[in-house]
Amino acid sequence: HPVPGSPISEQYRTLRTNLLFSTNGGWSKAAYVITSPGPSEGKSVTASNLAVTMAMAGLRVLLIDADLRRPRLHETFNLPNSVGLSTLLSTDPSQISSDMSRGVMPQNLLECLQDTEIPGLRVITSGFVPLNPTEVLGSVAMQHWFEIFKSSKNVDIVLFDTPPCLVVADSAVLAAAVKAPVVLVIEAGETRRAAATRAKEQMD
């Protein structure tokens, strides 16, 4: 991640502040879906560095790899990926509700939450690659888990890293399912103007 005090680090702090205050008017619970028009435009790097910057500000951040096609976050943070988001989404939603109604944190969630070397930053990796990524991201189970993430006393911010939105519909479906704003990452001098415009129109 960027060296503290560097110009890049300062830009991530500015992005952090702008996001949090534009959506909520202050430092309160928030969630963001991070995507880009096409591949290799920096969305996973942005998601990771934004998560680190938020955690370094004292926020408790949950970074989720919702790219169930070409996951990267487990490599970025050097974490195992034997269980993760897809593991949670294969759980019966009624069992989730039953656990939560009894005030019990679901065991499989505890197994999927991974600490990083950054205090306050935890990651849920992708887990196994499912056959139907778009459907599971828009499922009732995803909505249930998101409510659990949001209601956790140990989570202030939820960040979803998702696939490119002009390649597959995953990010749009997820954003609609969890009703979260979208951060669209474009690469200066590389992303085509028409692609950026189409991506914005799609998300609108």
N, C-alpha and C. Protein backbone atom coordinates (compact mmCIF):
# COMPACT_ATOMS: atom_id res chain seq x y z
N HIS A 1 0.85 -1.19 0.00
CA HIS A 1 0.00 0.00 0.00
C HIS A 1 0.89 1.24 0.00
N PRO A 2 0.35 2.42 -0.34
CA PRO A 2 1.18 3.63 -0.46
C PRO A 2 1.90 3.97 0.83
N VAL A 3 3.08 4.56 0.65
CA VAL A 3 3.87 5.00 1.81
C VAL A 3 3.16 6.18 2.47
N PRO A 4 2.95 6.11 3.81
CA PRO A 4 2.30 7.25 4.50
C PRO A 4 3.04 8.55 4.23
N GLY A 5 2.28 9.60 3.92
CA GLY A 5 2.89 10.90 3.64
C GLY A 5 3.19 11.13 2.18
N SER A 6 3.08 10.08 1.35
CA SER A 6 3.34 10.25 -0.08
C SER A 6 2.14 10.90 -0.76
N PRO A 7 2.34 11.49 -1.95
CA PRO A 7 1.21 12.09 -2.66
C PRO A 7 0.08 11.10 -2.93
N ILE A 8 0.42 9.85 -3.25
CA ILE A 8 -0.61 8.84 -3.51
C ILE A 8 -1.42 8.58 -2.25
N SER A 9 -0.71 8.46 -1.12
CA SER A 9 -1.39 8.23 0.15
C SER A 9 -2.34 9.37 0.48
N GLU A 10 -1.92 10.60 0.19
CA GLU A 10 -2.77 11.78 0.45
C GLU A 10 -4.02 11.74 -0.43
N GLN A 11 -3.88 11.28 -1.67
CA GLN A 11 -5.03 11.19 -2.57
C GLN A 11 -6.05 10.16 -2.07
N TYR A 12 -5.56 9.05 -1.52
CA TYR A 12 -6.49 8.06 -0.96
C TYR A 12 -7.20 8.62 0.27
N ARG A 13 -6.51 9.42 1.05
CA ARG A 13 -7.18 10.05 2.21
C ARG A 13 -8.26 11.01 1.74
N THR A 14 -7.99 11.74 0.66
CA THR A 14 -9.00 12.65 0.10
C THR A 14 -10.20 11.87 -0.40
N LEU A 15 -9.94 10.76 -1.10
CA LEU A 15 -11.02 9.91 -1.60
C LEU A 15 -11.84 9.36 -0.43
N ARG A 16 -11.17 8.91 0.61
CA ARG A 16 -11.86 8.40 1.80
C ARG A 16 -12.79 9.46 2.38
N THR A 17 -12.29 10.65 2.55
CA THR A 17 -13.09 11.73 3.14
C THR A 17 -14.28 12.09 2.25
N ASN A 18 -14.02 12.22 0.95
CA ASN A 18 -15.10 12.58 0.03
C ASN A 18 -16.21 11.54 0.01
N LEU A 19 -15.83 10.27 0.01
CA LEU A 19 -16.83 9.20 -0.01
C LEU A 19 -17.68 9.22 1.25
N LEU A 20 -17.04 9.26 2.38
CA LEU A 20 -17.77 9.14 3.64
C LEU A 20 -18.69 10.34 3.88
N PHE A 21 -18.23 11.52 3.53
CA PHE A 21 -19.05 12.70 3.80
C PHE A 21 -20.11 12.92 2.73
N SER A 22 -19.84 12.49 1.49
CA SER A 22 -20.83 12.71 0.44
C SER A 22 -22.02 11.79 0.62
N THR A 23 -21.80 10.59 1.15
CA THR A 23 -22.88 9.62 1.27
C THR A 23 -23.66 9.79 2.56
N ASN A 24 -22.95 10.07 3.65
CA ASN A 24 -23.60 10.03 4.95
C ASN A 24 -23.59 11.35 5.71
N GLY A 25 -22.87 12.32 5.20
CA GLY A 25 -22.78 13.57 5.92
C GLY A 25 -21.90 13.47 7.16
N GLY A 26 -21.13 12.41 7.27
CA GLY A 26 -20.28 12.25 8.44
C GLY A 26 -19.75 10.85 8.53
N TRP A 27 -19.03 10.58 9.63
CA TRP A 27 -18.39 9.27 9.81
C TRP A 27 -19.39 8.28 10.37
N SER A 28 -20.20 7.71 9.54
CA SER A 28 -21.15 6.71 10.00
C SER A 28 -21.05 5.47 9.13
N LYS A 29 -21.86 4.47 9.43
CA LYS A 29 -21.77 3.22 8.69
C LYS A 29 -22.06 3.45 7.21
N ALA A 30 -21.31 2.77 6.36
CA ALA A 30 -21.48 2.93 4.92
C ALA A 30 -21.03 1.66 4.22
N ALA A 31 -21.46 1.52 2.97
CA ALA A 31 -21.03 0.41 2.13
C ALA A 31 -20.86 0.91 0.71
N TYR A 32 -19.89 0.36 0.00
CA TYR A 32 -19.63 0.78 -1.37
C TYR A 32 -19.31 -0.44 -2.23
N VAL A 33 -19.83 -0.43 -3.47
CA VAL A 33 -19.49 -1.44 -4.47
C VAL A 33 -18.47 -0.80 -5.41
N ILE A 34 -17.31 -1.41 -5.53
CA ILE A 34 -16.23 -0.85 -6.34
C ILE A 34 -16.07 -1.66 -7.61
N THR A 35 -16.13 -0.97 -8.76
CA THR A 35 -16.01 -1.65 -10.04
C THR A 35 -15.28 -0.74 -11.03
N SER A 36 -15.14 -1.20 -12.26
CA SER A 36 -14.54 -0.40 -13.34
C SER A 36 -15.23 -0.81 -14.63
N PRO A 37 -15.11 0.00 -15.68
CA PRO A 37 -15.74 -0.40 -16.95
C PRO A 37 -15.17 -1.71 -17.50
N GLY A 38 -13.85 -1.80 -17.52
CA GLY A 38 -13.20 -2.99 -18.07
C GLY A 38 -12.14 -3.53 -17.14
N PRO A 39 -11.45 -4.61 -17.55
CA PRO A 39 -10.42 -5.21 -16.71
C PRO A 39 -9.15 -4.37 -16.67
N SER A 40 -8.33 -4.60 -15.65
CA SER A 40 -7.00 -4.00 -15.53
C SER A 40 -7.02 -2.48 -15.48
N GLU A 41 -8.06 -1.91 -14.83
CA GLU A 41 -8.15 -0.46 -14.70
C GLU A 41 -7.89 0.01 -13.27
N GLY A 42 -7.56 -0.93 -12.38
CA GLY A 42 -7.13 -0.54 -11.04
C GLY A 42 -8.16 -0.65 -9.94
N LYS A 43 -9.28 -1.35 -10.19
CA LYS A 43 -10.34 -1.38 -9.18
C LYS A 43 -9.92 -2.13 -7.92
N SER A 44 -9.23 -3.25 -8.07
CA SER A 44 -8.83 -4.04 -6.89
C SER A 44 -7.75 -3.31 -6.09
N VAL A 45 -6.83 -2.65 -6.80
CA VAL A 45 -5.81 -1.85 -6.13
C VAL A 45 -6.47 -0.71 -5.36
N THR A 46 -7.44 -0.06 -6.01
CA THR A 46 -8.16 1.05 -5.36
C THR A 46 -8.94 0.55 -4.15
N ALA A 47 -9.64 -0.57 -4.30
CA ALA A 47 -10.41 -1.13 -3.18
C ALA A 47 -9.50 -1.45 -2.00
N SER A 48 -8.36 -2.06 -2.28
CA SER A 48 -7.43 -2.45 -1.22
C SER A 48 -6.84 -1.24 -0.52
N ASN A 49 -6.37 -0.27 -1.29
CA ASN A 49 -5.74 0.91 -0.70
C ASN A 49 -6.75 1.79 0.02
N LEU A 50 -7.97 1.86 -0.50
CA LEU A 50 -9.02 2.62 0.18
C LEU A 50 -9.34 1.95 1.52
N ALA A 51 -9.40 0.63 1.53
CA ALA A 51 -9.67 -0.10 2.77
C ALA A 51 -8.57 0.15 3.80
N VAL A 52 -7.33 0.11 3.36
CA VAL A 52 -6.20 0.36 4.26
C VAL A 52 -6.26 1.79 4.81
N THR A 53 -6.53 2.75 3.94
CA THR A 53 -6.58 4.15 4.35
C THR A 53 -7.71 4.40 5.35
N MET A 54 -8.84 3.77 5.12
CA MET A 54 -9.95 3.91 6.06
C MET A 54 -9.62 3.28 7.41
N ALA A 55 -8.99 2.11 7.38
CA ALA A 55 -8.63 1.45 8.63
C ALA A 55 -7.60 2.27 9.41
N MET A 56 -6.69 2.90 8.69
CA MET A 56 -5.65 3.71 9.35
C MET A 56 -6.24 4.97 9.98
N ALA A 57 -7.46 5.32 9.57
CA ALA A 57 -8.16 6.46 10.17
C ALA A 57 -8.96 6.04 11.40
N GLY A 58 -8.86 4.76 11.75
CA GLY A 58 -9.56 4.28 12.94
C GLY A 58 -10.90 3.64 12.68
N LEU A 59 -11.27 3.52 11.39
CA LEU A 59 -12.53 2.86 11.05
C LEU A 59 -12.33 1.35 10.99
N ARG A 60 -13.39 0.63 11.33
CA ARG A 60 -13.34 -0.83 11.26
C ARG A 60 -13.92 -1.24 9.90
N VAL A 61 -13.04 -1.75 9.06
CA VAL A 61 -13.37 -1.97 7.65
C VAL A 61 -13.49 -3.46 7.35
N LEU A 62 -14.53 -3.82 6.60
CA LEU A 62 -14.69 -5.18 6.08
C LEU A 62 -14.58 -5.09 4.56
N LEU A 63 -13.52 -5.66 4.02
CA LEU A 63 -13.27 -5.67 2.58
C LEU A 63 -13.63 -7.06 2.06
N ILE A 64 -14.55 -7.10 1.09
CA ILE A 64 -15.08 -8.37 0.60
C ILE A 64 -14.73 -8.55 -0.87
N ASP A 65 -14.16 -9.70 -1.21
CA ASP A 65 -13.87 -10.00 -2.61
C ASP A 65 -15.11 -10.60 -3.24
N ALA A 66 -15.90 -9.75 -3.90
CA ALA A 66 -17.11 -10.19 -4.59
C ALA A 66 -16.85 -10.40 -6.08
N ASP A 67 -15.58 -10.48 -6.45
CA ASP A 67 -15.23 -10.88 -7.82
C ASP A 67 -15.14 -12.40 -7.79
N LEU A 68 -16.25 -13.06 -8.08
CA LEU A 68 -16.32 -14.51 -7.99
C LEU A 68 -15.92 -15.17 -9.30
N ARG A 69 -15.23 -14.41 -10.14
CA ARG A 69 -14.74 -14.93 -11.42
C ARG A 69 -13.21 -14.94 -11.46
N ARG A 70 -12.62 -13.79 -11.12
CA ARG A 70 -11.15 -13.69 -11.08
C ARG A 70 -10.76 -12.99 -9.78
N PRO A 71 -10.91 -13.66 -8.66
CA PRO A 71 -10.62 -13.03 -7.36
C PRO A 71 -9.14 -12.71 -7.21
N ARG A 72 -8.86 -11.59 -6.50
CA ARG A 72 -7.48 -11.13 -6.35
C ARG A 72 -7.10 -10.80 -4.90
N LEU A 73 -8.09 -10.49 -4.07
CA LEU A 73 -7.75 -9.95 -2.75
C LEU A 73 -6.97 -10.91 -1.87
N HIS A 74 -7.19 -12.21 -2.02
CA HIS A 74 -6.42 -13.15 -1.20
C HIS A 74 -4.94 -13.10 -1.55
N GLU A 75 -4.63 -12.80 -2.82
CA GLU A 75 -3.23 -12.65 -3.22
C GLU A 75 -2.66 -11.33 -2.71
N THR A 76 -3.47 -10.28 -2.80
CA THR A 76 -3.01 -8.96 -2.35
C THR A 76 -2.62 -8.98 -0.88
N PHE A 77 -3.43 -9.63 -0.04
CA PHE A 77 -3.20 -9.64 1.40
C PHE A 77 -2.56 -10.94 1.89
N ASN A 78 -2.18 -11.80 0.94
CA ASN A 78 -1.50 -13.06 1.27
C ASN A 78 -2.31 -13.89 2.27
N LEU A 79 -3.57 -14.15 1.90
CA LEU A 79 -4.49 -14.89 2.77
C LEU A 79 -4.92 -16.19 2.09
N PRO A 80 -5.25 -17.21 2.88
CA PRO A 80 -5.82 -18.43 2.29
C PRO A 80 -7.20 -18.14 1.72
N ASN A 81 -7.61 -18.95 0.74
CA ASN A 81 -8.91 -18.72 0.10
C ASN A 81 -9.73 -20.01 0.04
N SER A 82 -9.60 -20.82 1.07
CA SER A 82 -10.34 -22.08 1.09
C SER A 82 -11.83 -21.86 1.39
N VAL A 83 -12.13 -20.82 2.18
CA VAL A 83 -13.52 -20.44 2.43
C VAL A 83 -13.64 -18.93 2.22
N GLY A 84 -14.85 -18.46 1.95
CA GLY A 84 -15.03 -17.03 1.72
C GLY A 84 -16.47 -16.69 1.42
N LEU A 85 -16.67 -15.66 0.59
CA LEU A 85 -18.02 -15.16 0.31
C LEU A 85 -18.92 -16.25 -0.28
N SER A 86 -18.39 -17.01 -1.23
CA SER A 86 -19.22 -18.05 -1.85
C SER A 86 -19.62 -19.12 -0.84
N THR A 87 -18.78 -19.35 0.17
CA THR A 87 -19.14 -20.29 1.23
C THR A 87 -20.36 -19.78 1.98
N LEU A 88 -20.34 -18.48 2.32
CA LEU A 88 -21.48 -17.88 3.04
C LEU A 88 -22.75 -17.93 2.19
N LEU A 89 -22.60 -17.64 0.90
CA LEU A 89 -23.78 -17.56 0.04
C LEU A 89 -24.38 -18.92 -0.27
N SER A 90 -23.66 -19.98 0.05
CA SER A 90 -24.21 -21.32 -0.14
C SER A 90 -24.94 -21.81 1.11
N THR A 91 -25.00 -20.95 2.14
CA THR A 91 -25.69 -21.29 3.39
C THR A 91 -27.18 -20.98 3.27
N ASP A 92 -27.99 -21.80 3.87
CA ASP A 92 -29.44 -21.59 3.90
C ASP A 92 -29.76 -20.29 4.62
N PRO A 93 -30.39 -19.31 3.95
CA PRO A 93 -30.70 -18.02 4.59
C PRO A 93 -31.53 -18.15 5.86
N SER A 94 -32.40 -19.15 5.92
CA SER A 94 -33.24 -19.30 7.10
C SER A 94 -32.39 -19.65 8.32
N GLN A 95 -31.30 -20.37 8.09
CA GLN A 95 -30.40 -20.70 9.20
C GLN A 95 -29.69 -19.45 9.70
N ILE A 96 -29.34 -18.55 8.77
CA ILE A 96 -28.72 -17.29 9.15
C ILE A 96 -29.65 -16.51 10.06
N SER A 97 -30.91 -16.37 9.64
CA SER A 97 -31.89 -15.61 10.41
C SER A 97 -32.10 -16.23 11.79
N SER A 98 -32.12 -17.57 11.83
CA SER A 98 -32.32 -18.27 13.10
C SER A 98 -31.18 -17.97 14.07
N ASP A 99 -29.95 -18.02 13.57
CA ASP A 99 -28.80 -17.72 14.43
C ASP A 99 -28.86 -16.29 14.95
N MET A 100 -29.14 -15.34 14.05
CA MET A 100 -29.12 -13.93 14.43
C MET A 100 -30.23 -13.60 15.41
N SER A 101 -31.39 -14.24 15.25
CA SER A 101 -32.50 -13.97 16.15
C SER A 101 -32.18 -14.40 17.58
N ARG A 102 -31.25 -15.35 17.71
CA ARG A 102 -30.83 -15.81 19.02
C ARG A 102 -29.59 -15.07 19.51
N GLY A 103 -29.19 -14.06 18.73
CA GLY A 103 -28.02 -13.27 19.13
C GLY A 103 -26.70 -13.99 18.94
N VAL A 104 -26.70 -14.99 18.06
CA VAL A 104 -25.49 -15.80 17.83
C VAL A 104 -24.86 -15.41 16.50
N MET A 105 -23.57 -15.12 16.51
CA MET A 105 -22.86 -14.84 15.26
C MET A 105 -22.63 -16.15 14.53
N PRO A 106 -23.11 -16.28 13.29
CA PRO A 106 -22.98 -17.56 12.57
C PRO A 106 -21.53 -18.04 12.53
N GLN A 107 -21.32 -19.32 12.82
CA GLN A 107 -19.98 -19.89 12.90
C GLN A 107 -19.25 -19.77 11.56
N ASN A 108 -19.97 -19.99 10.44
CA ASN A 108 -19.28 -19.92 9.16
C ASN A 108 -18.82 -18.51 8.82
N LEU A 109 -19.49 -17.50 9.37
CA LEU A 109 -19.01 -16.13 9.18
C LEU A 109 -17.70 -15.93 9.94
N LEU A 110 -17.63 -16.42 11.15
CA LEU A 110 -16.40 -16.30 11.93
C LEU A 110 -15.25 -17.01 11.23
N GLU A 111 -15.54 -18.11 10.56
CA GLU A 111 -14.50 -18.85 9.85
C GLU A 111 -14.01 -18.10 8.61
N CYS A 112 -14.90 -17.30 8.01
CA CYS A 112 -14.55 -16.61 6.76
C CYS A 112 -13.91 -15.24 6.99
N LEU A 113 -14.09 -14.65 8.18
CA LEU A 113 -13.47 -13.36 8.49
C LEU A 113 -11.98 -13.54 8.74
N GLN A 114 -11.15 -12.82 8.01
CA GLN A 114 -9.70 -12.96 8.18
C GLN A 114 -9.09 -11.61 8.55
N ASP A 115 -8.25 -11.63 9.56
CA ASP A 115 -7.52 -10.42 9.96
C ASP A 115 -6.39 -10.16 8.97
N THR A 116 -5.98 -8.90 8.87
CA THR A 116 -4.82 -8.54 8.07
C THR A 116 -3.78 -7.91 8.99
N GLU A 117 -2.66 -7.53 8.43
CA GLU A 117 -1.63 -6.88 9.24
C GLU A 117 -1.98 -5.44 9.56
N ILE A 118 -3.06 -4.95 8.95
CA ILE A 118 -3.54 -3.59 9.22
C ILE A 118 -4.61 -3.66 10.31
N PRO A 119 -4.36 -3.08 11.49
CA PRO A 119 -5.38 -3.10 12.54
C PRO A 119 -6.70 -2.48 12.06
N GLY A 120 -7.80 -3.16 12.33
CA GLY A 120 -9.10 -2.63 11.94
C GLY A 120 -9.57 -3.06 10.57
N LEU A 121 -8.71 -3.74 9.80
CA LEU A 121 -9.08 -4.18 8.46
C LEU A 121 -9.19 -5.70 8.42
N ARG A 122 -10.40 -6.17 8.13
CA ARG A 122 -10.62 -7.61 7.94
C ARG A 122 -11.12 -7.87 6.54
N VAL A 123 -10.83 -9.06 6.04
CA VAL A 123 -11.14 -9.42 4.66
C VAL A 123 -11.96 -10.71 4.63
N ILE A 124 -12.97 -10.73 3.77
CA ILE A 124 -13.62 -11.97 3.39
C ILE A 124 -13.22 -12.23 1.94
N THR A 125 -12.44 -13.27 1.71
CA THR A 125 -12.00 -13.59 0.35
C THR A 125 -13.17 -14.18 -0.44
N SER A 126 -12.93 -14.52 -1.68
CA SER A 126 -14.01 -14.98 -2.55
C SER A 126 -14.51 -16.37 -2.20
N GLY A 127 -13.61 -17.24 -1.74
CA GLY A 127 -13.97 -18.65 -1.60
C GLY A 127 -13.99 -19.30 -2.98
N PHE A 128 -14.64 -20.46 -3.07
CA PHE A 128 -14.66 -21.19 -4.34
C PHE A 128 -15.41 -20.38 -5.40
N VAL A 129 -15.07 -20.62 -6.67
CA VAL A 129 -15.72 -19.92 -7.78
C VAL A 129 -17.01 -20.66 -8.13
N PRO A 130 -18.18 -20.04 -7.93
CA PRO A 130 -19.45 -20.72 -8.21
C PRO A 130 -19.76 -20.74 -9.71
N LEU A 131 -20.72 -21.58 -10.09
CA LEU A 131 -21.11 -21.68 -11.49
C LEU A 131 -21.96 -20.50 -11.93
N ASN A 132 -22.63 -19.84 -10.96
CA ASN A 132 -23.57 -18.76 -11.29
C ASN A 132 -23.30 -17.51 -10.46
N PRO A 133 -22.16 -16.85 -10.66
CA PRO A 133 -21.79 -15.70 -9.82
C PRO A 133 -22.83 -14.60 -9.77
N THR A 134 -23.40 -14.24 -10.91
CA THR A 134 -24.36 -13.13 -10.93
C THR A 134 -25.58 -13.44 -10.06
N GLU A 135 -26.08 -14.66 -10.18
CA GLU A 135 -27.27 -15.04 -9.43
C GLU A 135 -27.02 -15.05 -7.92
N VAL A 136 -25.87 -15.58 -7.51
CA VAL A 136 -25.63 -15.66 -6.06
C VAL A 136 -25.39 -14.28 -5.46
N LEU A 137 -24.81 -13.35 -6.23
CA LEU A 137 -24.59 -12.00 -5.72
C LEU A 137 -25.90 -11.22 -5.58
N GLY A 138 -26.90 -11.60 -6.35
CA GLY A 138 -28.20 -10.93 -6.26
C GLY A 138 -29.22 -11.69 -5.44
N SER A 139 -28.75 -12.70 -4.71
CA SER A 139 -29.66 -13.62 -4.02
C SER A 139 -30.16 -13.06 -2.69
N VAL A 140 -31.18 -13.72 -2.16
CA VAL A 140 -31.69 -13.40 -0.83
C VAL A 140 -30.60 -13.63 0.21
N ALA A 141 -29.80 -14.68 0.01
CA ALA A 141 -28.71 -14.96 0.95
C ALA A 141 -27.73 -13.78 1.01
N MET A 142 -27.42 -13.17 -0.13
CA MET A 142 -26.52 -12.02 -0.14
C MET A 142 -27.13 -10.88 0.64
N GLN A 143 -28.39 -10.63 0.49
CA GLN A 143 -29.07 -9.56 1.24
C GLN A 143 -29.03 -9.84 2.74
N HIS A 144 -29.25 -11.09 3.12
CA HIS A 144 -29.19 -11.46 4.53
C HIS A 144 -27.80 -11.22 5.10
N TRP A 145 -26.79 -11.69 4.38
CA TRP A 145 -25.42 -11.53 4.89
C TRP A 145 -25.03 -10.07 4.98
N PHE A 146 -25.47 -9.27 4.00
CA PHE A 146 -25.15 -7.85 4.04
C PHE A 146 -25.74 -7.19 5.28
N GLU A 147 -26.95 -7.55 5.63
CA GLU A 147 -27.57 -7.01 6.84
C GLU A 147 -26.77 -7.40 8.07
N ILE A 148 -26.24 -8.62 8.06
CA ILE A 148 -25.40 -9.06 9.18
C ILE A 148 -24.11 -8.25 9.23
N PHE A 149 -23.47 -8.04 8.08
CA PHE A 149 -22.24 -7.23 8.03
C PHE A 149 -22.52 -5.84 8.58
N LYS A 150 -23.59 -5.22 8.09
CA LYS A 150 -23.91 -3.83 8.49
C LYS A 150 -24.24 -3.70 9.97
N SER A 151 -24.91 -4.70 10.49
CA SER A 151 -25.37 -4.60 11.88
C SER A 151 -24.29 -5.00 12.89
N SER A 152 -23.17 -5.51 12.40
CA SER A 152 -22.10 -5.92 13.31
C SER A 152 -21.51 -4.71 14.03
N LYS A 153 -21.30 -4.87 15.32
CA LYS A 153 -20.70 -3.80 16.12
C LYS A 153 -19.23 -3.59 15.76
N ASN A 154 -18.64 -4.54 15.06
CA ASN A 154 -17.22 -4.46 14.72
C ASN A 154 -16.98 -4.02 13.28
N VAL A 155 -18.03 -3.53 12.61
CA VAL A 155 -17.88 -3.08 11.22
C VAL A 155 -18.45 -1.68 11.05
N ASP A 156 -17.63 -0.75 10.56
CA ASP A 156 -18.10 0.60 10.23
C ASP A 156 -18.33 0.75 8.72
N ILE A 157 -17.45 0.14 7.94
CA ILE A 157 -17.46 0.30 6.48
C ILE A 157 -17.38 -1.07 5.82
N VAL A 158 -18.22 -1.29 4.80
CA VAL A 158 -18.13 -2.51 3.99
C VAL A 158 -17.76 -2.10 2.57
N LEU A 159 -16.70 -2.69 2.04
CA LEU A 159 -16.27 -2.44 0.66
C LEU A 159 -16.33 -3.74 -0.12
N PHE A 160 -17.02 -3.72 -1.27
CA PHE A 160 -17.10 -4.89 -2.15
C PHE A 160 -16.23 -4.64 -3.38
N ASP A 161 -15.27 -5.52 -3.63
CA ASP A 161 -14.51 -5.49 -4.88
C ASP A 161 -15.24 -6.39 -5.86
N THR A 162 -15.65 -5.86 -7.02
CA THR A 162 -16.49 -6.62 -7.96
C THR A 162 -15.86 -6.64 -9.36
N PRO A 163 -16.36 -7.50 -10.25
CA PRO A 163 -15.81 -7.57 -11.61
C PRO A 163 -16.13 -6.32 -12.43
N PRO A 164 -15.45 -6.15 -13.57
CA PRO A 164 -15.73 -5.01 -14.46
C PRO A 164 -17.19 -5.02 -14.91
N CYS A 165 -17.84 -3.87 -14.88
CA CYS A 165 -19.28 -3.82 -15.08
C CYS A 165 -19.70 -3.91 -16.54
N LEU A 166 -18.79 -3.64 -17.49
CA LEU A 166 -19.16 -3.78 -18.90
C LEU A 166 -18.89 -5.18 -19.41
N VAL A 167 -18.26 -6.00 -18.59
CA VAL A 167 -17.95 -7.38 -18.96
C VAL A 167 -19.04 -8.33 -18.48
N VAL A 168 -19.44 -8.17 -17.22
CA VAL A 168 -20.51 -8.98 -16.63
C VAL A 168 -21.39 -8.08 -15.77
N ALA A 169 -22.57 -8.58 -15.43
CA ALA A 169 -23.56 -7.76 -14.71
C ALA A 169 -23.41 -7.84 -13.19
N ASP A 170 -22.39 -8.54 -12.70
CA ASP A 170 -22.28 -8.82 -11.26
C ASP A 170 -22.34 -7.58 -10.38
N SER A 171 -21.58 -6.55 -10.73
CA SER A 171 -21.50 -5.37 -9.87
C SER A 171 -22.83 -4.64 -9.80
N ALA A 172 -23.53 -4.53 -10.93
CA ALA A 172 -24.83 -3.85 -10.94
C ALA A 172 -25.86 -4.64 -10.14
N VAL A 173 -25.84 -5.95 -10.29
CA VAL A 173 -26.78 -6.81 -9.56
C VAL A 173 -26.52 -6.72 -8.06
N LEU A 174 -25.25 -6.76 -7.67
CA LEU A 174 -24.91 -6.67 -6.25
C LEU A 174 -25.30 -5.31 -5.67
N ALA A 175 -24.99 -4.24 -6.40
CA ALA A 175 -25.31 -2.90 -5.93
C ALA A 175 -26.81 -2.74 -5.72
N ALA A 176 -27.61 -3.32 -6.62
CA ALA A 176 -29.06 -3.25 -6.49
C ALA A 176 -29.55 -4.09 -5.31
N ALA A 177 -28.93 -5.25 -5.12
CA ALA A 177 -29.36 -6.15 -4.05
C ALA A 177 -29.12 -5.55 -2.67
N VAL A 178 -27.97 -4.90 -2.50
CA VAL A 178 -27.63 -4.37 -1.16
C VAL A 178 -27.88 -2.87 -1.06
N LYS A 179 -28.36 -2.27 -2.17
CA LYS A 179 -28.69 -0.84 -2.20
C LYS A 179 -27.50 0.02 -1.76
N ALA A 180 -26.34 -0.26 -2.35
CA ALA A 180 -25.12 0.48 -2.01
C ALA A 180 -24.67 1.32 -3.19
N PRO A 181 -24.08 2.50 -2.92
CA PRO A 181 -23.54 3.31 -4.01
C PRO A 181 -22.34 2.64 -4.67
N VAL A 182 -22.09 3.02 -5.90
CA VAL A 182 -21.02 2.42 -6.69
C VAL A 182 -19.86 3.41 -6.85
N VAL A 183 -18.66 2.91 -6.64
CA VAL A 183 -17.45 3.69 -6.95
C VAL A 183 -16.91 3.15 -8.27
N LEU A 184 -16.91 3.99 -9.30
CA LEU A 184 -16.46 3.58 -10.62
C LEU A 184 -15.01 4.02 -10.82
N VAL A 185 -14.12 3.05 -10.96
CA VAL A 185 -12.69 3.33 -11.11
C VAL A 185 -12.34 3.35 -12.60
N ILE A 186 -11.77 4.45 -13.06
CA ILE A 186 -11.29 4.53 -14.44
C ILE A 186 -9.81 4.87 -14.45
N GLU A 187 -9.10 4.38 -15.45
CA GLU A 187 -7.66 4.60 -15.52
C GLU A 187 -7.38 5.80 -16.42
N ALA A 188 -6.77 6.82 -15.83
CA ALA A 188 -6.49 8.05 -16.58
C ALA A 188 -5.66 7.75 -17.82
N GLY A 189 -6.11 8.27 -18.94
CA GLY A 189 -5.36 8.10 -20.18
C GLY A 189 -5.53 6.75 -20.84
N GLU A 190 -6.28 5.83 -20.22
CA GLU A 190 -6.43 4.49 -20.76
C GLU A 190 -7.90 4.12 -20.99
N THR A 191 -8.74 4.36 -20.00
CA THR A 191 -10.16 4.02 -20.15
C THR A 191 -10.77 4.88 -21.26
N ARG A 192 -11.45 4.25 -22.18
CA ARG A 192 -12.08 4.99 -23.27
C ARG A 192 -13.28 5.77 -22.74
N ARG A 193 -13.44 6.99 -23.23
CA ARG A 193 -14.52 7.86 -22.76
C ARG A 193 -15.89 7.18 -22.94
N ALA A 194 -16.10 6.53 -24.07
CA ALA A 194 -17.39 5.87 -24.34
C ALA A 194 -17.64 4.75 -23.33
N ALA A 195 -16.58 4.03 -22.96
CA ALA A 195 -16.73 2.94 -22.00
C ALA A 195 -17.11 3.49 -20.62
N ALA A 196 -16.45 4.57 -20.21
CA ALA A 196 -16.77 5.18 -18.92
C ALA A 196 -18.21 5.69 -18.90
N THR A 197 -18.65 6.29 -20.00
CA THR A 197 -20.01 6.80 -20.09
C THR A 197 -21.03 5.68 -20.03
N ARG A 198 -20.76 4.58 -20.78
CA ARG A 198 -21.67 3.43 -20.75
C ARG A 198 -21.75 2.82 -19.37
N ALA A 199 -20.62 2.75 -18.69
CA ALA A 199 -20.60 2.19 -17.33
C ALA A 199 -21.43 3.03 -16.37
N LYS A 200 -21.29 4.34 -16.47
CA LYS A 200 -22.08 5.22 -15.61
C LYS A 200 -23.57 5.09 -15.92
N GLU A 201 -23.91 5.05 -17.20
CA GLU A 201 -25.33 4.91 -17.58
C GLU A 201 -25.90 3.59 -17.05
N GLN A 202 -25.10 2.53 -17.14
CA GLN A 202 -25.55 1.23 -16.66
C GLN A 202 -25.85 1.28 -15.16
N MET A 203 -24.96 1.93 -14.41
CA MET A 203 -25.15 2.00 -12.97
C MET A 203 -26.31 2.94 -12.61
N ASP A 204 -26.46 4.02 -13.35
CA ASP A 204 -27.61 4.91 -13.13
C ASP A 204 -28.91 4.17 -13.34
